[in-house]
């Protein structure tokens, strides 16, 4: 026993060091592009092509941000607001629809339930590129292309959110609790919004964040649907600037700075909501 304990201790230390080293490499891999964006956004137009991984003598970050925000009558600010509106409304409504659909599929027994769920699962496998043209044709029939609704309405559908909500509701919402609520006279809607939705909070936050990031980064759907630059999200706006950089040399730098600014709302959305994930993990560990 005395000879094996030091060997086990050394083996455990090696395992901890190996795991820590692997995590450090992963963190560096994921943070390196973000760091490069910050450094590249702090240089001048002439120094952009020779940007290293550290700041040079000219720190022009705040000047570059001001130039981007004021360029072409503050069109970038409008693109950011458009993206925020598309992503916030789309993710909120999509989370509500997905949670209610997943909850119904998990807690109610009705004919064709598994068929409906399998169709929703099939929707997860369909790539967005395959749906772009059919969506355009449908919205053109309704005369809704090149409008706010042509981007928002398709963004409220989340097959993966329905799948995640069903799996989580099946394990997190006890049937006995719902029966007690029914005996107390609570309606089905009240039971869902006052009891089930609270128990499903980690899943709802996960669905919201997945949907928010997906809508914020969406490029193909706005490209197909929109022609009015005032309705562009930030992804399509930056792509437009990037295609015009041969005519206006400053746009190459503005695209880099704009890409850095476009990441900040995603970080701001994730940081205050991550505590719900942590609470969900702790509750799962307790169970």
Protein backbone atom coordinates (compact mmCIF):
# COMPACT_ATOMS: atom_id res chain seq x y z
CA UNK A 1 0.00 0.00 0.00
CA UNK A 2 2.76 2.46 0.91
CA UNK A 3 4.65 1.79 -2.35
CA UNK A 4 1.58 2.08 -4.55
CA UNK A 5 0.29 5.35 -3.06
CA UNK A 6 3.17 7.53 -4.36
CA UNK A 7 2.82 5.91 -7.79
CA UNK A 8 -0.89 6.65 -7.84
CA UNK A 9 -0.23 10.20 -6.74
CA UNK A 10 2.32 10.73 -9.52
CA UNK A 11 -0.04 9.18 -12.06
CA UNK A 12 -2.84 11.48 -10.90
CA UNK A 13 -0.59 14.53 -11.19
CA UNK A 14 0.43 13.55 -14.70
CA UNK A 15 -3.21 13.14 -15.67
CA UNK A 16 -4.11 16.53 -14.20
CA UNK A 17 -1.19 18.22 -15.98
CA UNK A 18 -2.08 16.56 -19.28
CA UNK A 19 -5.73 17.57 -18.99
CA UNK A 20 -4.77 21.12 -18.02
CA UNK A 21 -2.33 21.39 -20.92
CA UNK A 22 -4.94 20.13 -23.36
CA UNK A 23 -7.48 22.67 -22.11
CA UNK A 24 -4.93 25.49 -22.39
CA UNK A 25 -4.25 24.52 -26.00
CA UNK A 26 -8.00 24.45 -26.76
CA UNK A 27 -8.56 27.85 -25.13
CA UNK A 28 -5.64 29.34 -27.08
CA UNK A 29 -6.96 27.84 -30.31
CA UNK A 30 -10.42 29.37 -29.86
CA UNK A 31 -9.26 32.74 -28.50
CA UNK A 32 -6.48 33.34 -31.01
CA UNK A 33 -8.80 34.58 -33.82
CA UNK A 34 -10.55 36.93 -31.40
CA UNK A 35 -7.22 38.29 -30.20
CA UNK A 36 -6.10 38.81 -33.79
CA UNK A 37 -9.30 40.76 -34.49
CA UNK A 38 -8.58 43.09 -31.59
CA UNK A 39 -4.96 43.61 -32.66
CA UNK A 40 -5.86 44.08 -36.34
CA UNK A 41 -8.63 46.52 -35.43
CA UNK A 42 -6.09 48.62 -33.55
CA UNK A 43 -3.77 49.23 -36.49
CA UNK A 44 -3.90 51.59 -39.43
CA UNK A 45 -4.92 50.77 -42.98
CA UNK A 46 -1.28 50.51 -44.08
CA UNK A 47 -0.34 48.20 -41.24
CA UNK A 48 -3.26 45.83 -41.67
CA UNK A 49 -1.49 43.44 -44.03
CA UNK A 50 1.52 43.15 -41.72
CA UNK A 51 -0.45 42.78 -38.49
CA UNK A 52 1.24 40.54 -35.94
CA UNK A 53 -0.21 39.11 -32.76
CA UNK A 54 0.76 42.18 -30.76
CA UNK A 55 0.04 45.88 -30.97
CA UNK A 56 2.39 48.11 -32.94
CA UNK A 57 3.23 51.73 -32.19
CA UNK A 58 -0.01 53.14 -33.61
CA UNK A 59 -2.97 52.22 -31.41
CA UNK A 60 -5.95 53.39 -33.48
CA UNK A 61 -8.69 51.15 -32.08
CA UNK A 62 -11.05 53.87 -30.86
CA UNK A 63 -10.47 55.99 -33.95
CA UNK A 64 -11.25 53.01 -36.17
CA UNK A 65 -14.40 52.20 -34.21
CA UNK A 66 -15.56 55.81 -34.56
CA UNK A 67 -14.90 55.74 -38.31
CA UNK A 68 -16.85 52.52 -38.75
CA UNK A 69 -19.82 53.73 -36.73
CA UNK A 70 -20.02 57.02 -38.65
CA UNK A 71 -19.29 55.69 -42.15
CA UNK A 72 -22.05 56.26 -44.75
CA UNK A 73 -24.43 58.02 -42.35
CA UNK A 74 -24.00 55.43 -39.59
CA UNK A 75 -25.20 52.54 -41.73
CA UNK A 76 -23.23 50.04 -39.63
CA UNK A 77 -25.18 51.06 -36.52
CA UNK A 78 -28.39 50.40 -38.43
CA UNK A 79 -27.12 46.96 -39.46
CA UNK A 80 -26.29 46.15 -35.84
CA UNK A 81 -29.76 47.21 -34.72
CA UNK A 82 -31.33 45.14 -37.49
CA UNK A 83 -29.36 42.07 -36.40
CA UNK A 84 -30.29 42.66 -32.76
CA UNK A 85 -33.96 42.96 -33.69
CA UNK A 86 -33.95 39.87 -35.92
CA UNK A 87 -32.02 37.78 -33.38
CA UNK A 88 -33.84 38.90 -30.22
CA UNK A 89 -37.37 38.61 -31.60
CA UNK A 90 -36.63 35.47 -33.60
CA UNK A 91 -34.91 33.71 -30.70
CA UNK A 92 -37.60 34.72 -28.20
CA UNK A 93 -40.53 33.61 -30.35
CA UNK A 94 -38.63 30.54 -31.55
CA UNK A 95 -37.84 29.52 -27.96
CA UNK A 96 -41.50 29.91 -26.98
CA UNK A 97 -42.73 27.82 -29.90
CA UNK A 98 -40.04 25.17 -29.48
CA UNK A 99 -40.57 24.83 -25.73
CA UNK A 100 -44.33 24.51 -26.04
CA UNK A 101 -44.05 21.99 -28.88
CA UNK A 102 -41.38 19.95 -27.11
CA UNK A 103 -43.35 20.01 -23.86
CA UNK A 104 -46.49 18.81 -25.63
CA UNK A 105 -44.62 15.98 -27.35
CA UNK A 106 -43.09 14.93 -24.02
CA UNK A 107 -46.10 15.16 -21.70
CA UNK A 108 -49.17 14.48 -23.84
CA UNK A 109 -50.08 11.21 -25.54
CA UNK A 110 -51.98 11.61 -28.81
CA UNK A 111 -52.23 9.70 -32.12
CA UNK A 112 -49.33 10.40 -34.43
CA UNK A 113 -47.07 11.85 -31.74
CA UNK A 114 -44.02 9.87 -32.79
CA UNK A 115 -44.68 10.59 -36.46
CA UNK A 116 -44.73 14.32 -35.75
CA UNK A 117 -41.54 14.04 -33.71
CA UNK A 118 -39.79 12.08 -36.44
CA UNK A 119 -40.75 14.71 -39.02
CA UNK A 120 -39.29 17.40 -36.74
CA UNK A 121 -36.11 15.36 -36.39
CA UNK A 122 -35.91 15.13 -40.16
CA UNK A 123 -36.13 18.92 -40.26
CA UNK A 124 -32.95 19.11 -38.21
CA UNK A 125 -31.09 17.27 -40.97
CA UNK A 126 -32.23 19.59 -43.78
CA UNK A 127 -29.50 22.17 -44.55
CA UNK A 128 -30.43 25.83 -44.67
CA UNK A 129 -29.17 26.11 -48.24
CA UNK A 130 -31.84 23.64 -49.40
CA UNK A 131 -34.60 25.77 -47.87
CA UNK A 132 -33.48 29.18 -49.17
CA UNK A 133 -35.10 28.94 -52.62
CA UNK A 134 -38.42 27.41 -51.45
CA UNK A 135 -38.69 30.09 -48.76
CA UNK A 136 -38.02 32.81 -51.32
CA UNK A 137 -40.73 31.46 -53.61
CA UNK A 138 -43.23 31.22 -50.76
CA UNK A 139 -42.57 34.75 -49.55
CA UNK A 140 -42.62 36.12 -53.08
CA UNK A 141 -46.10 34.62 -53.53
CA UNK A 142 -47.17 36.46 -50.37
CA UNK A 143 -45.39 39.64 -51.53
CA UNK A 144 -43.22 39.67 -48.40
CA UNK A 145 -39.75 39.54 -49.92
CA UNK A 146 -37.44 42.46 -49.24
CA UNK A 147 -39.20 43.08 -45.94
CA UNK A 148 -38.54 42.69 -42.24
CA UNK A 149 -40.88 39.68 -42.07
CA UNK A 150 -39.02 37.72 -44.73
CA UNK A 151 -36.07 37.37 -42.35
CA UNK A 152 -37.92 37.23 -39.03
CA UNK A 153 -40.62 34.64 -39.72
CA UNK A 154 -38.31 31.79 -40.91
CA UNK A 155 -36.07 32.51 -37.91
CA UNK A 156 -38.81 31.59 -35.44
CA UNK A 157 -38.70 27.91 -36.47
CA UNK A 158 -36.22 25.70 -34.60
CA UNK A 159 -36.53 21.92 -35.08
CA UNK A 160 -33.49 21.35 -32.89
CA UNK A 161 -35.12 23.46 -30.19
CA UNK A 162 -38.21 21.27 -30.27
CA UNK A 163 -36.06 18.15 -29.97
CA UNK A 164 -34.07 19.59 -27.05
CA UNK A 165 -37.21 20.81 -25.28
CA UNK A 166 -38.86 17.40 -25.54
CA UNK A 167 -35.83 15.54 -24.21
CA UNK A 168 -35.40 17.94 -21.30
CA UNK A 169 -39.09 18.17 -20.42
CA UNK A 170 -39.39 14.40 -20.29
CA UNK A 171 -36.78 14.22 -17.54
CA UNK A 172 -37.13 17.54 -15.72
CA UNK A 173 -40.91 17.88 -15.37
CA UNK A 174 -42.43 15.14 -13.16
CA UNK A 175 -45.84 13.84 -14.19
CA UNK A 176 -46.88 13.80 -10.52
CA UNK A 177 -46.33 17.55 -10.28
CA UNK A 178 -48.56 18.18 -13.28
CA UNK A 179 -51.26 15.94 -11.86
CA UNK A 180 -51.14 17.88 -8.59
CA UNK A 181 -51.52 21.14 -10.52
CA UNK A 182 -54.55 19.76 -12.39
CA UNK A 183 -56.15 18.64 -9.11
CA UNK A 184 -55.68 22.16 -7.77
CA UNK A 185 -57.58 23.51 -10.76
CA UNK A 186 -54.69 24.90 -12.78
CA UNK A 187 -55.19 25.02 -16.53
CA UNK A 188 -52.71 23.45 -18.91
CA UNK A 189 -51.35 26.85 -19.98
CA UNK A 190 -50.92 27.95 -16.39
CA UNK A 191 -49.17 24.71 -15.50
CA UNK A 192 -46.77 25.22 -18.39
CA UNK A 193 -45.93 28.87 -17.75
CA UNK A 194 -45.81 28.78 -13.94
CA UNK A 195 -44.38 25.31 -13.27
CA UNK A 196 -42.93 23.55 -16.29
CA UNK A 197 -41.17 26.55 -17.84
CA UNK A 198 -39.27 27.17 -14.60
CA UNK A 199 -38.13 23.57 -14.41
CA UNK A 200 -37.10 23.77 -18.07
CA UNK A 201 -35.15 27.02 -17.63
CA UNK A 202 -31.69 25.60 -18.53
CA UNK A 203 -33.09 24.07 -21.72
CA UNK A 204 -34.94 27.27 -22.62
CA UNK A 205 -31.78 29.33 -22.19
CA UNK A 206 -29.87 26.84 -24.33
CA UNK A 207 -32.48 27.00 -27.08
CA UNK A 208 -32.53 30.80 -26.93
CA UNK A 209 -28.76 31.10 -27.20
CA UNK A 210 -28.51 28.58 -30.04
CA UNK A 211 -31.26 30.38 -31.93
CA UNK A 212 -29.84 33.83 -31.17
CA UNK A 213 -26.38 32.90 -32.45
CA UNK A 214 -27.85 31.15 -35.50
CA UNK A 215 -29.96 34.17 -36.47
CA UNK A 216 -27.16 36.65 -35.73
CA UNK A 217 -24.74 34.75 -37.96
CA UNK A 218 -27.31 34.05 -40.68
CA UNK A 219 -26.08 35.23 -44.06
CA UNK A 220 -27.81 33.18 -46.76
CA UNK A 221 -31.43 33.96 -45.88
CA UNK A 222 -30.99 37.78 -45.83
CA UNK A 223 -28.93 37.52 -49.02
CA UNK A 224 -31.78 35.77 -50.81
CA UNK A 225 -34.62 37.81 -49.32
CA UNK A 226 -33.34 41.38 -49.05
CA UNK A 227 -32.41 44.07 -51.53
CA UNK A 228 -32.90 47.17 -49.39
CA UNK A 229 -29.60 47.90 -47.64
CA UNK A 230 -31.49 49.53 -44.76
CA UNK A 231 -32.84 46.08 -43.81
CA UNK A 232 -29.48 44.30 -43.96
CA UNK A 233 -28.19 42.48 -40.89
CA UNK A 234 -24.57 43.03 -39.95
CA UNK A 235 -23.39 39.82 -41.66
CA UNK A 236 -24.75 40.85 -45.05
CA UNK A 237 -23.61 44.43 -44.55
CA UNK A 238 -20.02 43.41 -43.85
CA UNK A 239 -20.06 41.12 -46.88
CA UNK A 240 -21.22 44.07 -48.98
CA UNK A 241 -18.36 46.21 -47.68
CA UNK A 242 -15.91 43.41 -48.35
CA UNK A 243 -17.04 43.19 -51.98
CA UNK A 244 -16.49 46.95 -52.37
CA UNK A 245 -13.03 47.18 -50.83
CA UNK A 246 -11.39 47.48 -54.27
CA UNK A 247 -13.23 50.78 -54.82
CA UNK A 248 -12.73 52.11 -51.27
CA UNK A 249 -9.49 51.06 -49.62
CA UNK A 250 -10.59 51.89 -46.08
CA UNK A 251 -13.32 49.24 -46.26
CA UNK A 252 -10.81 46.43 -45.75
CA UNK A 253 -9.98 47.84 -42.33
CA UNK A 254 -13.62 48.65 -41.63
CA UNK A 255 -14.62 45.04 -42.30
CA UNK A 256 -12.13 43.82 -39.69
CA UNK A 257 -13.27 46.38 -37.12
CA UNK A 258 -16.92 45.65 -37.91
CA UNK A 259 -16.34 41.93 -37.46
CA UNK A 260 -14.89 42.60 -34.02
CA UNK A 261 -17.86 44.80 -33.06
CA UNK A 262 -20.34 42.21 -34.33
CA UNK A 263 -18.99 39.63 -31.87
CA UNK A 264 -19.59 41.78 -28.79
CA UNK A 265 -23.41 41.30 -28.66
CA UNK A 266 -22.94 37.52 -28.71
CA UNK A 267 -20.57 37.76 -25.74
CA UNK A 268 -22.96 40.10 -23.91
CA UNK A 269 -25.81 37.66 -24.53
CA UNK A 270 -23.88 34.65 -23.27
CA UNK A 271 -22.31 36.02 -20.08
CA UNK A 272 -25.50 36.87 -18.11
CA UNK A 273 -27.26 33.67 -19.24
CA UNK A 274 -24.54 31.14 -18.46
CA UNK A 275 -25.61 30.95 -14.81
CA UNK A 276 -28.74 29.11 -15.93
CA UNK A 277 -26.55 26.44 -17.50
CA UNK A 278 -24.54 26.15 -14.30
CA UNK A 279 -27.69 25.85 -12.19
CA UNK A 280 -29.02 23.19 -14.54
CA UNK A 281 -25.81 21.21 -14.31
CA UNK A 282 -25.79 21.42 -10.50
CA UNK A 283 -29.42 20.31 -10.29
CA UNK A 284 -28.69 17.41 -12.63
CA UNK A 285 -25.71 16.40 -10.51
CA UNK A 286 -27.85 16.54 -7.36
CA UNK A 287 -30.46 14.28 -8.90
